[in-house]
């Protein structure tokens, strides 16, 4: 008995695949922007000689909220210690 695979070739299936691909691209771009923002915060703090604890590094690496990361980046320009950003 042959299996009907016509759905997988249909316009509906193609549309669903395209939607999935687009969502994946958007998620990947958002993740990449967050990772770059976190690296920027780390670069500024390191360049200014401000050391981060393991907990601060973990929090920075785990944060995906771009607005929060950008806030930390601006604060990193004038902070004198890491706790000013994260506590």
N, C-alpha and C. Protein backbone atom coordinates (compact mmCIF):
# COMPACT_ATOMS: atom_id res chain seq x y z
N UNK A 1 0.83 -1.17 0.00
CA UNK A 1 0.00 0.00 0.00
C UNK A 1 0.89 1.25 0.00
N UNK A 2 0.64 2.17 -0.89
CA UNK A 2 1.43 3.39 -1.01
C UNK A 2 0.88 4.46 -0.08
N UNK A 3 1.77 5.23 0.47
CA UNK A 3 1.39 6.33 1.35
C UNK A 3 1.22 7.59 0.52
N UNK A 4 0.13 8.30 0.79
CA UNK A 4 -0.14 9.54 0.06
C UNK A 4 0.71 10.66 0.64
N UNK A 5 1.66 11.15 -0.12
CA UNK A 5 2.55 12.23 0.32
C UNK A 5 2.24 13.55 -0.35
N UNK A 6 1.08 13.64 -0.98
CA UNK A 6 0.74 14.85 -1.73
C UNK A 6 0.69 16.09 -0.85
N UNK A 7 0.29 15.93 0.41
CA UNK A 7 0.23 17.10 1.30
C UNK A 7 1.59 17.78 1.40
N UNK A 8 2.65 16.99 1.48
CA UNK A 8 3.99 17.54 1.68
C UNK A 8 4.47 18.36 0.49
N UNK A 9 3.80 18.18 -0.66
CA UNK A 9 4.13 18.94 -1.86
C UNK A 9 3.14 20.07 -2.10
N UNK A 10 2.14 20.18 -1.26
CA UNK A 10 1.07 21.15 -1.47
C UNK A 10 1.53 22.57 -1.12
N UNK A 11 0.73 23.54 -1.57
CA UNK A 11 1.03 24.94 -1.26
C UNK A 11 0.96 25.18 0.24
N UNK A 12 0.02 24.53 0.91
CA UNK A 12 -0.10 24.69 2.37
C UNK A 12 1.17 24.23 3.08
N UNK A 13 1.67 23.09 2.68
CA UNK A 13 2.89 22.57 3.29
C UNK A 13 4.08 23.48 3.00
N UNK A 14 4.16 23.98 1.79
CA UNK A 14 5.25 24.88 1.44
C UNK A 14 5.17 26.17 2.26
N UNK A 15 3.95 26.69 2.44
CA UNK A 15 3.75 27.90 3.24
C UNK A 15 4.18 27.66 4.68
N UNK A 16 3.78 26.50 5.23
CA UNK A 16 4.15 26.18 6.61
C UNK A 16 5.66 26.06 6.77
N UNK A 17 6.31 25.43 5.78
CA UNK A 17 7.78 25.32 5.84
C UNK A 17 8.42 26.70 5.80
N UNK A 18 7.93 27.57 4.92
CA UNK A 18 8.48 28.92 4.83
C UNK A 18 8.27 29.71 6.12
N UNK A 19 7.10 29.55 6.73
CA UNK A 19 6.84 30.22 8.01
C UNK A 19 7.81 29.73 9.08
N UNK A 20 8.02 28.43 9.11
CA UNK A 20 8.96 27.86 10.09
C UNK A 20 10.38 28.36 9.87
N UNK A 21 10.78 28.42 8.61
CA UNK A 21 12.12 28.93 8.29
C UNK A 21 12.26 30.39 8.69
N UNK A 22 11.24 31.19 8.41
CA UNK A 22 11.27 32.61 8.76
C UNK A 22 11.34 32.79 10.28
N UNK A 23 10.55 32.03 11.01
CA UNK A 23 10.59 32.11 12.47
C UNK A 23 11.97 31.72 12.99
N UNK A 24 12.55 30.69 12.42
CA UNK A 24 13.89 30.27 12.82
C UNK A 24 14.93 31.34 12.54
N UNK A 25 14.83 31.98 11.40
CA UNK A 25 15.77 33.08 11.07
C UNK A 25 15.62 34.23 12.05
N UNK A 26 14.37 34.59 12.35
CA UNK A 26 14.13 35.70 13.29
C UNK A 26 14.68 35.37 14.67
N UNK A 27 14.45 34.15 15.13
CA UNK A 27 14.96 33.75 16.44
C UNK A 27 16.49 33.74 16.44
N UNK A 28 17.08 33.27 15.37
CA UNK A 28 18.54 33.24 15.27
C UNK A 28 19.12 34.64 15.27
N UNK A 29 18.48 35.55 14.55
CA UNK A 29 18.97 36.93 14.53
C UNK A 29 18.84 37.59 15.90
N UNK A 30 17.73 37.36 16.56
CA UNK A 30 17.53 37.92 17.90
C UNK A 30 18.56 37.37 18.88
N UNK A 31 18.82 36.08 18.79
CA UNK A 31 19.82 35.47 19.67
C UNK A 31 21.20 36.04 19.37
N UNK A 32 21.52 36.22 18.11
CA UNK A 32 22.82 36.78 17.74
C UNK A 32 22.99 38.20 18.23
N UNK A 33 21.92 39.00 18.14
CA UNK A 33 22.00 40.38 18.64
C UNK A 33 22.22 40.41 20.14
N UNK A 34 21.53 39.53 20.86
CA UNK A 34 21.69 39.47 22.32
C UNK A 34 23.10 39.03 22.70
N UNK A 35 23.63 38.03 21.99
CA UNK A 35 24.98 37.57 22.28
C UNK A 35 26.00 38.66 22.01
N UNK A 36 25.82 39.41 20.93
CA UNK A 36 26.76 40.49 20.62
C UNK A 36 26.67 41.60 21.66
N UNK A 37 25.46 41.92 22.10
CA UNK A 37 25.31 42.95 23.13
C UNK A 37 25.98 42.52 24.43
N UNK A 38 25.83 41.25 24.79
CA UNK A 38 26.48 40.73 26.01
C UNK A 38 27.99 40.80 25.88
N UNK A 39 28.52 40.46 24.70
CA UNK A 39 29.97 40.56 24.47
C UNK A 39 30.43 42.02 24.58
N UNK A 40 29.61 42.93 24.10
CA UNK A 40 29.97 44.35 24.17
C UNK A 40 30.05 44.82 25.61
N UNK A 41 29.09 44.41 26.42
CA UNK A 41 29.13 44.77 27.85
C UNK A 41 30.40 44.21 28.48
N UNK A 42 30.68 42.96 28.21
CA UNK A 42 31.88 42.32 28.76
C UNK A 42 33.15 43.02 28.28
N UNK A 43 33.20 43.40 27.02
CA UNK A 43 34.37 44.08 26.47
C UNK A 43 34.59 45.42 27.14
N UNK A 44 33.52 46.18 27.33
CA UNK A 44 33.65 47.50 27.98
C UNK A 44 34.13 47.33 29.42
N UNK A 45 33.50 46.41 30.15
CA UNK A 45 33.90 46.22 31.55
C UNK A 45 35.33 45.73 31.66
N UNK A 46 35.71 44.79 30.81
CA UNK A 46 37.08 44.27 30.83
C UNK A 46 38.07 45.37 30.47
N UNK A 47 37.73 46.14 29.47
CA UNK A 47 38.60 47.24 29.05
C UNK A 47 38.77 48.29 30.13
N UNK A 48 37.78 48.44 30.96
CA UNK A 48 37.86 49.41 32.05
C UNK A 48 38.46 48.79 33.32
N UNK A 49 38.86 47.52 33.24
CA UNK A 49 39.48 46.87 34.39
C UNK A 49 38.52 46.42 35.46
N UNK A 50 37.25 46.28 35.11
CA UNK A 50 36.24 45.85 36.08
C UNK A 50 36.06 44.34 35.94
N UNK A 51 36.35 43.64 37.03
CA UNK A 51 36.24 42.18 37.00
C UNK A 51 34.82 41.75 37.32
N UNK A 52 34.42 40.66 36.68
CA UNK A 52 33.10 40.10 36.90
C UNK A 52 33.21 38.78 37.65
N UNK A 53 32.31 38.58 38.59
CA UNK A 53 32.25 37.29 39.29
C UNK A 53 31.67 36.26 38.33
N UNK A 54 31.79 35.01 38.70
CA UNK A 54 31.21 33.94 37.89
C UNK A 54 29.70 34.11 37.78
N UNK A 55 29.07 34.56 38.85
CA UNK A 55 27.61 34.77 38.83
C UNK A 55 27.24 35.90 37.87
N UNK A 56 28.03 36.99 37.89
CA UNK A 56 27.77 38.10 36.97
C UNK A 56 27.97 37.67 35.52
N UNK A 57 29.02 36.90 35.27
CA UNK A 57 29.27 36.41 33.90
C UNK A 57 28.12 35.52 33.43
N UNK A 58 27.64 34.66 34.33
CA UNK A 58 26.53 33.77 33.99
C UNK A 58 25.27 34.57 33.70
N UNK A 59 25.00 35.55 34.52
CA UNK A 59 23.81 36.38 34.31
C UNK A 59 23.89 37.11 32.98
N UNK A 60 25.04 37.64 32.68
CA UNK A 60 25.24 38.34 31.41
C UNK A 60 25.04 37.38 30.24
N UNK A 61 25.60 36.20 30.33
CA UNK A 61 25.50 35.22 29.25
C UNK A 61 24.07 34.70 29.07
N UNK A 62 23.31 34.64 30.13
CA UNK A 62 21.96 34.10 30.07
C UNK A 62 20.90 35.11 29.67
N UNK A 63 21.24 36.39 29.72
CA UNK A 63 20.26 37.43 29.42
C UNK A 63 20.02 37.53 27.92
N UNK A 64 18.76 37.48 27.53
CA UNK A 64 18.40 37.60 26.12
C UNK A 64 17.61 38.87 25.84
N UNK A 65 17.28 39.62 26.89
CA UNK A 65 16.52 40.86 26.74
C UNK A 65 17.46 41.95 26.22
N UNK A 66 17.29 42.31 24.96
CA UNK A 66 18.18 43.27 24.32
C UNK A 66 18.12 44.65 24.99
N UNK A 67 16.95 45.05 25.44
CA UNK A 67 16.83 46.34 26.12
C UNK A 67 17.65 46.35 27.41
N UNK A 68 17.60 45.25 28.17
CA UNK A 68 18.38 45.15 29.40
C UNK A 68 19.87 45.17 29.10
N UNK A 69 20.28 44.43 28.08
CA UNK A 69 21.69 44.39 27.71
C UNK A 69 22.18 45.76 27.27
N UNK A 70 21.36 46.49 26.54
CA UNK A 70 21.75 47.84 26.12
C UNK A 70 21.83 48.80 27.30
N UNK A 71 20.95 48.63 28.27
CA UNK A 71 21.02 49.43 29.50
C UNK A 71 22.33 49.15 30.22
N UNK A 72 22.67 47.87 30.34
CA UNK A 72 23.93 47.51 30.99
C UNK A 72 25.12 48.06 30.22
N UNK A 73 25.04 48.07 28.91
CA UNK A 73 26.15 48.59 28.10
C UNK A 73 26.38 50.07 28.39
N UNK A 74 25.32 50.84 28.45
CA UNK A 74 25.44 52.26 28.76
C UNK A 74 25.98 52.45 30.17
N UNK A 75 25.48 51.67 31.12
CA UNK A 75 25.95 51.78 32.50
C UNK A 75 27.40 51.34 32.64
N UNK A 76 27.83 50.40 31.81
CA UNK A 76 29.21 49.91 31.86
C UNK A 76 30.21 51.01 31.53
N UNK A 77 29.78 52.01 30.82
CA UNK A 77 30.68 53.11 30.46
C UNK A 77 31.13 53.93 31.66
N UNK A 78 30.30 53.97 32.71
CA UNK A 78 30.64 54.80 33.86
C UNK A 78 30.72 54.02 35.17
N UNK A 79 30.38 52.75 35.16
CA UNK A 79 30.38 51.95 36.39
C UNK A 79 31.81 51.82 36.94
N UNK A 80 31.90 51.74 38.26
CA UNK A 80 33.20 51.54 38.90
C UNK A 80 33.37 50.10 39.40
N UNK A 81 32.25 49.37 39.44
CA UNK A 81 32.30 47.95 39.80
C UNK A 81 31.08 47.25 39.18
N UNK A 82 31.21 45.96 38.98
CA UNK A 82 30.18 45.17 38.29
C UNK A 82 28.84 45.20 39.03
N UNK A 83 28.89 45.26 40.34
CA UNK A 83 27.66 45.24 41.11
C UNK A 83 26.76 46.43 40.79
N UNK A 84 27.32 47.52 40.28
CA UNK A 84 26.49 48.67 39.89
C UNK A 84 25.55 48.32 38.74
N UNK A 85 25.93 47.37 37.94
CA UNK A 85 25.09 46.95 36.83
C UNK A 85 24.10 45.88 37.24
N UNK A 86 24.56 44.89 37.97
CA UNK A 86 23.79 43.67 38.17
C UNK A 86 23.05 43.58 39.49
N UNK A 87 23.41 44.37 40.48
CA UNK A 87 22.74 44.26 41.79
C UNK A 87 21.64 45.28 41.93
